[in-house]
Amino acid sequence: MPLWGHMMTGESVPLREHLAALRSDDLRFNEERDRRYHEVNVEREKALKIKEEADRRALELAREIQAFRDEKANGLLELVKSERGSYATNKDLEPIKSYVSSQTGRGLGMYALFSMIMTVVTAAIAVAVFLK
């Protein structure tokens, strides 16, 4: 059975009208497609502008954070440099160690005496750092 056999007599459409209707539908479809493409492109441009602004702000924030970190690191470095020579070394503590070891078993005992000495030294260092 031919493809057009399902149409009843009198229902046929002239080819010219059929092609004109197809062309009209194609034009509407193309216009709708073009309108949607345009809308998508507009939204894509907006999204790109938002992304660029976010990237710019992120870079600014990263610069500020790095500057803050550098400032803190420089301050800590200066503090360490200024404290050099303020602490007692093992060589400086040799007389105290020898005294404490010679006093083993006497009075307060070596541990208690050493603890007191270290507390005094630590307090002196803290006071020296605090007063600077």
N, C-alpha and C. Protein backbone atom coordinates (compact mmCIF):
# COMPACT_ATOMS: atom_id res chain seq x y z
N MET A 1 0.86 -1.18 0.00
CA MET A 1 0.00 0.00 0.00
C MET A 1 0.89 1.23 0.00
N PRO A 2 0.62 2.20 -0.84
CA PRO A 2 1.44 3.40 -0.91
C PRO A 2 1.34 4.21 0.37
N LEU A 3 2.38 5.01 0.60
CA LEU A 3 2.50 5.80 1.82
C LEU A 3 1.33 6.78 1.96
N TRP A 4 0.85 7.32 0.89
CA TRP A 4 -0.23 8.30 0.95
C TRP A 4 -1.61 7.65 0.91
N GLY A 5 -1.66 6.33 0.95
CA GLY A 5 -2.92 5.61 0.83
C GLY A 5 -3.83 5.78 2.02
N HIS A 6 -3.35 6.22 3.15
CA HIS A 6 -4.20 6.37 4.33
C HIS A 6 -5.06 7.62 4.27
N MET A 7 -4.77 8.53 3.37
CA MET A 7 -5.57 9.75 3.25
C MET A 7 -6.84 9.47 2.46
N MET A 8 -7.89 10.05 2.89
CA MET A 8 -9.15 9.87 2.19
C MET A 8 -9.25 10.86 1.06
N THR A 9 -10.07 10.58 0.15
CA THR A 9 -10.26 11.46 -1.00
C THR A 9 -10.78 12.81 -0.50
N GLY A 10 -10.23 13.88 -1.00
CA GLY A 10 -10.66 15.20 -0.61
C GLY A 10 -9.83 15.76 0.53
N GLU A 11 -8.95 14.97 1.11
CA GLU A 11 -8.11 15.44 2.21
C GLU A 11 -6.72 15.79 1.74
N SER A 12 -6.44 15.67 0.53
CA SER A 12 -5.10 15.94 0.03
C SER A 12 -4.84 17.43 0.03
N VAL A 13 -3.58 17.77 0.22
CA VAL A 13 -3.15 19.16 0.26
C VAL A 13 -2.22 19.36 -0.92
N PRO A 14 -2.40 20.42 -1.63
CA PRO A 14 -1.48 20.66 -2.75
C PRO A 14 -0.04 20.80 -2.24
N LEU A 15 0.90 20.33 -3.03
CA LEU A 15 2.31 20.33 -2.65
C LEU A 15 2.80 21.75 -2.31
N ARG A 16 2.35 22.71 -3.07
CA ARG A 16 2.77 24.09 -2.84
C ARG A 16 2.35 24.55 -1.45
N GLU A 17 1.13 24.26 -1.02
CA GLU A 17 0.66 24.64 0.30
C GLU A 17 1.41 23.89 1.40
N HIS A 18 1.65 22.62 1.12
CA HIS A 18 2.39 21.80 2.10
C HIS A 18 3.79 22.36 2.31
N LEU A 19 4.49 22.66 1.22
CA LEU A 19 5.84 23.21 1.33
C LEU A 19 5.84 24.59 1.96
N ALA A 20 4.81 25.39 1.66
CA ALA A 20 4.71 26.72 2.28
C ALA A 20 4.49 26.58 3.78
N ALA A 21 3.67 25.61 4.20
CA ALA A 21 3.44 25.39 5.63
C ALA A 21 4.72 24.91 6.31
N LEU A 22 5.45 24.01 5.66
CA LEU A 22 6.73 23.55 6.20
C LEU A 22 7.72 24.70 6.32
N ARG A 23 7.78 25.53 5.31
CA ARG A 23 8.70 26.67 5.33
C ARG A 23 8.33 27.63 6.46
N SER A 24 7.04 27.86 6.63
CA SER A 24 6.58 28.74 7.70
C SER A 24 6.96 28.18 9.07
N ASP A 25 6.75 26.86 9.23
CA ASP A 25 7.11 26.23 10.50
C ASP A 25 8.63 26.27 10.72
N ASP A 26 9.39 26.05 9.65
CA ASP A 26 10.86 26.12 9.77
C ASP A 26 11.31 27.52 10.18
N LEU A 27 10.70 28.53 9.63
CA LEU A 27 11.06 29.91 9.99
C LEU A 27 10.74 30.19 11.45
N ARG A 28 9.55 29.75 11.91
CA ARG A 28 9.21 29.94 13.33
C ARG A 28 10.19 29.18 14.23
N PHE A 29 10.50 27.94 13.82
CA PHE A 29 11.45 27.15 14.60
C PHE A 29 12.82 27.83 14.65
N ASN A 30 13.29 28.32 13.51
CA ASN A 30 14.59 28.99 13.46
C ASN A 30 14.59 30.27 14.29
N GLU A 31 13.49 31.02 14.23
CA GLU A 31 13.41 32.24 15.03
C GLU A 31 13.44 31.90 16.53
N GLU A 32 12.69 30.88 16.91
CA GLU A 32 12.68 30.47 18.32
C GLU A 32 14.07 29.98 18.75
N ARG A 33 14.72 29.19 17.90
CA ARG A 33 16.07 28.69 18.20
C ARG A 33 17.05 29.86 18.34
N ASP A 34 16.98 30.80 17.40
CA ASP A 34 17.88 31.96 17.45
C ASP A 34 17.63 32.79 18.71
N ARG A 35 16.36 32.96 19.09
CA ARG A 35 16.03 33.71 20.30
C ARG A 35 16.60 33.01 21.53
N ARG A 36 16.47 31.70 21.59
CA ARG A 36 17.00 30.96 22.74
C ARG A 36 18.52 30.99 22.76
N TYR A 37 19.15 30.85 21.59
CA TYR A 37 20.61 30.96 21.55
C TYR A 37 21.07 32.32 22.04
N HIS A 38 20.34 33.36 21.63
CA HIS A 38 20.70 34.71 22.06
C HIS A 38 20.55 34.84 23.58
N GLU A 39 19.46 34.30 24.15
CA GLU A 39 19.27 34.35 25.59
C GLU A 39 20.38 33.60 26.33
N VAL A 40 20.75 32.44 25.80
CA VAL A 40 21.83 31.66 26.41
C VAL A 40 23.14 32.44 26.35
N ASN A 41 23.40 33.06 25.22
CA ASN A 41 24.65 33.84 25.10
C ASN A 41 24.67 35.03 26.05
N VAL A 42 23.53 35.68 26.23
CA VAL A 42 23.45 36.80 27.17
C VAL A 42 23.73 36.31 28.58
N GLU A 43 23.12 35.20 28.96
CA GLU A 43 23.34 34.64 30.30
C GLU A 43 24.79 34.17 30.47
N ARG A 44 25.36 33.63 29.42
CA ARG A 44 26.76 33.19 29.48
C ARG A 44 27.68 34.39 29.71
N GLU A 45 27.39 35.50 29.04
CA GLU A 45 28.18 36.71 29.23
C GLU A 45 28.06 37.24 30.66
N LYS A 46 26.84 37.20 31.21
CA LYS A 46 26.64 37.62 32.60
C LYS A 46 27.45 36.73 33.54
N ALA A 47 27.38 35.43 33.32
CA ALA A 47 28.12 34.48 34.17
C ALA A 47 29.61 34.72 34.06
N LEU A 48 30.09 35.00 32.86
CA LEU A 48 31.52 35.27 32.67
C LEU A 48 31.94 36.54 33.41
N LYS A 49 31.11 37.57 33.38
CA LYS A 49 31.41 38.80 34.11
C LYS A 49 31.46 38.54 35.62
N ILE A 50 30.50 37.74 36.10
CA ILE A 50 30.48 37.41 37.53
C ILE A 50 31.73 36.64 37.90
N LYS A 51 32.12 35.68 37.05
CA LYS A 51 33.31 34.87 37.32
C LYS A 51 34.57 35.75 37.33
N GLU A 52 34.67 36.64 36.36
CA GLU A 52 35.83 37.53 36.31
C GLU A 52 35.91 38.40 37.55
N GLU A 53 34.78 38.92 38.00
CA GLU A 53 34.77 39.75 39.21
C GLU A 53 35.16 38.92 40.43
N ALA A 54 34.63 37.70 40.51
CA ALA A 54 34.99 36.82 41.63
C ALA A 54 36.48 36.49 41.61
N ASP A 55 37.03 36.23 40.44
CA ASP A 55 38.46 35.95 40.33
C ASP A 55 39.30 37.16 40.75
N ARG A 56 38.86 38.35 40.32
CA ARG A 56 39.58 39.57 40.69
C ARG A 56 39.56 39.77 42.20
N ARG A 57 38.40 39.58 42.81
CA ARG A 57 38.30 39.74 44.27
C ARG A 57 39.11 38.68 45.00
N ALA A 58 39.11 37.46 44.47
CA ALA A 58 39.89 36.39 45.10
C ALA A 58 41.38 36.73 45.06
N LEU A 59 41.84 37.28 43.95
CA LEU A 59 43.25 37.68 43.87
C LEU A 59 43.57 38.81 44.85
N GLU A 60 42.68 39.77 44.97
CA GLU A 60 42.88 40.86 45.94
C GLU A 60 42.97 40.31 47.36
N LEU A 61 42.05 39.41 47.68
CA LEU A 61 42.04 38.81 49.01
C LEU A 61 43.31 38.00 49.25
N ALA A 62 43.75 37.26 48.24
CA ALA A 62 44.98 36.48 48.38
C ALA A 62 46.17 37.40 48.62
N ARG A 63 46.20 38.55 47.93
CA ARG A 63 47.30 39.51 48.14
C ARG A 63 47.27 40.05 49.57
N GLU A 64 46.07 40.40 50.04
CA GLU A 64 45.95 40.91 51.41
C GLU A 64 46.38 39.87 52.44
N ILE A 65 45.96 38.64 52.23
CA ILE A 65 46.34 37.57 53.15
C ILE A 65 47.85 37.37 53.15
N GLN A 66 48.45 37.37 51.96
CA GLN A 66 49.91 37.18 51.87
C GLN A 66 50.65 38.35 52.52
N ALA A 67 50.15 39.56 52.32
CA ALA A 67 50.79 40.72 52.95
C ALA A 67 50.70 40.61 54.47
N PHE A 68 49.55 40.18 54.97
CA PHE A 68 49.36 40.00 56.41
C PHE A 68 50.32 38.93 56.94
N ARG A 69 50.42 37.81 56.23
CA ARG A 69 51.33 36.74 56.65
C ARG A 69 52.78 37.21 56.64
N ASP A 70 53.16 37.95 55.59
CA ASP A 70 54.53 38.46 55.51
C ASP A 70 54.82 39.41 56.67
N GLU A 71 53.85 40.26 56.97
CA GLU A 71 54.01 41.21 58.07
C GLU A 71 54.19 40.47 59.40
N LYS A 72 53.37 39.46 59.63
CA LYS A 72 53.49 38.69 60.87
C LYS A 72 54.81 37.92 60.92
N ALA A 73 55.22 37.35 59.79
CA ALA A 73 56.49 36.62 59.75
C ALA A 73 57.66 37.56 60.01
N ASN A 74 57.61 38.76 59.43
CA ASN A 74 58.68 39.74 59.66
C ASN A 74 58.71 40.17 61.12
N GLY A 75 57.54 40.36 61.71
CA GLY A 75 57.49 40.71 63.13
C GLY A 75 58.07 39.63 64.01
N LEU A 76 57.74 38.38 63.69
CA LEU A 76 58.28 37.25 64.46
C LEU A 76 59.78 37.14 64.26
N LEU A 77 60.25 37.36 63.04
CA LEU A 77 61.69 37.32 62.77
C LEU A 77 62.42 38.41 63.56
N GLU A 78 61.86 39.61 63.60
CA GLU A 78 62.46 40.69 64.37
C GLU A 78 62.49 40.35 65.85
N LEU A 79 61.43 39.74 66.35
CA LEU A 79 61.38 39.34 67.75
C LEU A 79 62.46 38.32 68.07
N VAL A 80 62.62 37.34 67.20
CA VAL A 80 63.66 36.32 67.40
C VAL A 80 65.04 36.96 67.36
N LYS A 81 65.26 37.87 66.41
CA LYS A 81 66.56 38.54 66.31
C LYS A 81 66.85 39.38 67.56
N SER A 82 65.81 40.02 68.07
CA SER A 82 66.02 40.88 69.24
C SER A 82 66.26 40.06 70.51
N GLU A 83 65.78 38.82 70.53
CA GLU A 83 65.94 37.99 71.72
C GLU A 83 67.24 37.19 71.73
N ARG A 84 67.98 37.22 70.65
CA ARG A 84 69.24 36.46 70.61
C ARG A 84 70.17 36.98 71.68
N GLY A 85 70.74 36.07 72.39
CA GLY A 85 71.65 36.43 73.46
C GLY A 85 70.95 36.68 74.78
N SER A 86 69.64 36.64 74.81
CA SER A 86 68.89 36.86 76.04
C SER A 86 68.74 35.60 76.86
N TYR A 87 68.93 34.45 76.23
CA TYR A 87 68.71 33.17 76.92
C TYR A 87 70.03 32.57 77.37
N ALA A 88 69.96 31.83 78.44
CA ALA A 88 71.15 31.17 78.96
C ALA A 88 71.46 29.93 78.14
N THR A 89 72.74 29.70 77.87
CA THR A 89 73.17 28.51 77.12
C THR A 89 73.64 27.45 78.12
N ASN A 90 73.95 26.27 77.61
CA ASN A 90 74.47 25.21 78.48
C ASN A 90 75.77 25.65 79.15
N LYS A 91 76.59 26.37 78.39
CA LYS A 91 77.85 26.84 78.95
C LYS A 91 77.60 27.81 80.12
N ASP A 92 76.59 28.66 79.96
CA ASP A 92 76.25 29.61 81.02
C ASP A 92 75.72 28.91 82.27
N LEU A 93 75.10 27.75 82.10
CA LEU A 93 74.49 27.04 83.22
C LEU A 93 75.44 26.05 83.90
N GLU A 94 76.65 25.87 83.37
CA GLU A 94 77.60 24.91 83.96
C GLU A 94 77.86 25.18 85.45
N PRO A 95 78.11 26.44 85.88
CA PRO A 95 78.33 26.67 87.31
C PRO A 95 77.12 26.25 88.16
N ILE A 96 75.94 26.51 87.67
CA ILE A 96 74.74 26.14 88.41
C ILE A 96 74.61 24.63 88.47
N LYS A 97 74.88 23.96 87.36
CA LYS A 97 74.81 22.49 87.33
C LYS A 97 75.81 21.87 88.30
N SER A 98 77.03 22.40 88.28
CA SER A 98 78.05 21.83 89.18
C SER A 98 77.67 22.08 90.64
N TYR A 99 77.12 23.25 90.96
CA TYR A 99 76.70 23.54 92.33
C TYR A 99 75.58 22.59 92.75
N VAL A 100 74.61 22.44 91.86
CA VAL A 100 73.47 21.58 92.16
C VAL A 100 73.94 20.14 92.36
N SER A 101 74.82 19.67 91.49
CA SER A 101 75.29 18.28 91.62
C SER A 101 76.11 18.10 92.90
N SER A 102 76.81 19.14 93.34
CA SER A 102 77.57 19.02 94.58
C SER A 102 76.67 19.04 95.80
N GLN A 103 75.46 19.58 95.65
CA GLN A 103 74.52 19.68 96.76
C GLN A 103 73.55 18.51 96.82
N THR A 104 73.80 17.48 96.06
CA THR A 104 72.88 16.33 96.02
C THR A 104 72.72 15.75 97.42
N GLY A 105 71.49 15.58 97.81
CA GLY A 105 71.19 15.00 99.10
C GLY A 105 71.12 16.02 100.23
N ARG A 106 71.45 17.23 99.99
CA ARG A 106 71.42 18.25 101.04
C ARG A 106 70.17 19.11 100.92
N GLY A 107 69.65 19.53 102.01
CA GLY A 107 68.57 20.53 102.05
C GLY A 107 67.38 20.19 101.14
N LEU A 108 67.17 21.01 100.15
CA LEU A 108 66.01 20.88 99.27
C LEU A 108 66.17 19.73 98.26
N GLY A 109 67.39 19.33 98.01
CA GLY A 109 67.61 18.30 97.01
C GLY A 109 67.87 18.91 95.65
N MET A 110 68.51 18.15 94.83
CA MET A 110 68.93 18.64 93.51
C MET A 110 67.72 19.01 92.64
N TYR A 111 66.71 18.19 92.63
CA TYR A 111 65.56 18.43 91.75
C TYR A 111 64.83 19.71 92.15
N ALA A 112 64.59 19.88 93.42
CA ALA A 112 63.87 21.06 93.88
C ALA A 112 64.67 22.33 93.61
N LEU A 113 65.98 22.28 93.84
CA LEU A 113 66.83 23.44 93.60
C LEU A 113 66.89 23.79 92.12
N PHE A 114 67.07 22.77 91.32
CA PHE A 114 67.13 23.01 89.88
C PHE A 114 65.80 23.58 89.38
N SER A 115 64.70 23.08 89.90
CA SER A 115 63.38 23.59 89.51
C SER A 115 63.24 25.05 89.90
N MET A 116 63.71 25.40 91.09
CA MET A 116 63.62 26.80 91.51
C MET A 116 64.49 27.68 90.62
N ILE A 117 65.68 27.22 90.31
CA ILE A 117 66.58 28.02 89.46
C ILE A 117 65.96 28.21 88.08
N MET A 118 65.42 27.15 87.51
CA MET A 118 64.82 27.26 86.17
C MET A 118 63.59 28.18 86.21
N THR A 119 62.85 28.16 87.29
CA THR A 119 61.70 29.05 87.42
C THR A 119 62.15 30.50 87.48
N VAL A 120 63.20 30.76 88.22
CA VAL A 120 63.73 32.12 88.32
C VAL A 120 64.26 32.59 86.97
N VAL A 121 65.02 31.72 86.28
CA VAL A 121 65.57 32.08 84.97
C VAL A 121 64.44 32.34 83.98
N THR A 122 63.43 31.48 83.97
CA THR A 122 62.30 31.66 83.06
C THR A 122 61.55 32.95 83.37
N ALA A 123 61.35 33.23 84.63
CA ALA A 123 60.66 34.47 85.01
C ALA A 123 61.48 35.69 84.59
N ALA A 124 62.80 35.62 84.75
CA ALA A 124 63.66 36.75 84.36
C ALA A 124 63.58 36.97 82.86
N ILE A 125 63.57 35.89 82.10
CA ILE A 125 63.47 36.02 80.66
C ILE A 125 62.11 36.62 80.26
N ALA A 126 61.06 36.15 80.90
CA ALA A 126 59.73 36.67 80.60
C ALA A 126 59.64 38.15 80.92
N VAL A 127 60.21 38.56 82.03
CA VAL A 127 60.19 39.97 82.41
C VAL A 127 61.00 40.78 81.40
N ALA A 128 62.15 40.25 80.99
CA ALA A 128 62.99 40.97 80.03
C ALA A 128 62.27 41.14 78.70
N VAL A 129 61.60 40.09 78.25
CA VAL A 129 60.87 40.17 76.99
C VAL A 129 59.69 41.12 77.14
N PHE A 130 59.00 41.07 78.25
CA PHE A 130 57.85 41.92 78.48
C PHE A 130 58.23 43.39 78.52
N LEU A 131 59.39 43.70 79.10
CA LEU A 131 59.80 45.10 79.23
C LEU A 131 60.35 45.70 77.96
N LYS A 132 60.65 44.89 76.98
CA LYS A 132 61.20 45.42 75.72
C LYS A 132 60.18 46.11 74.93
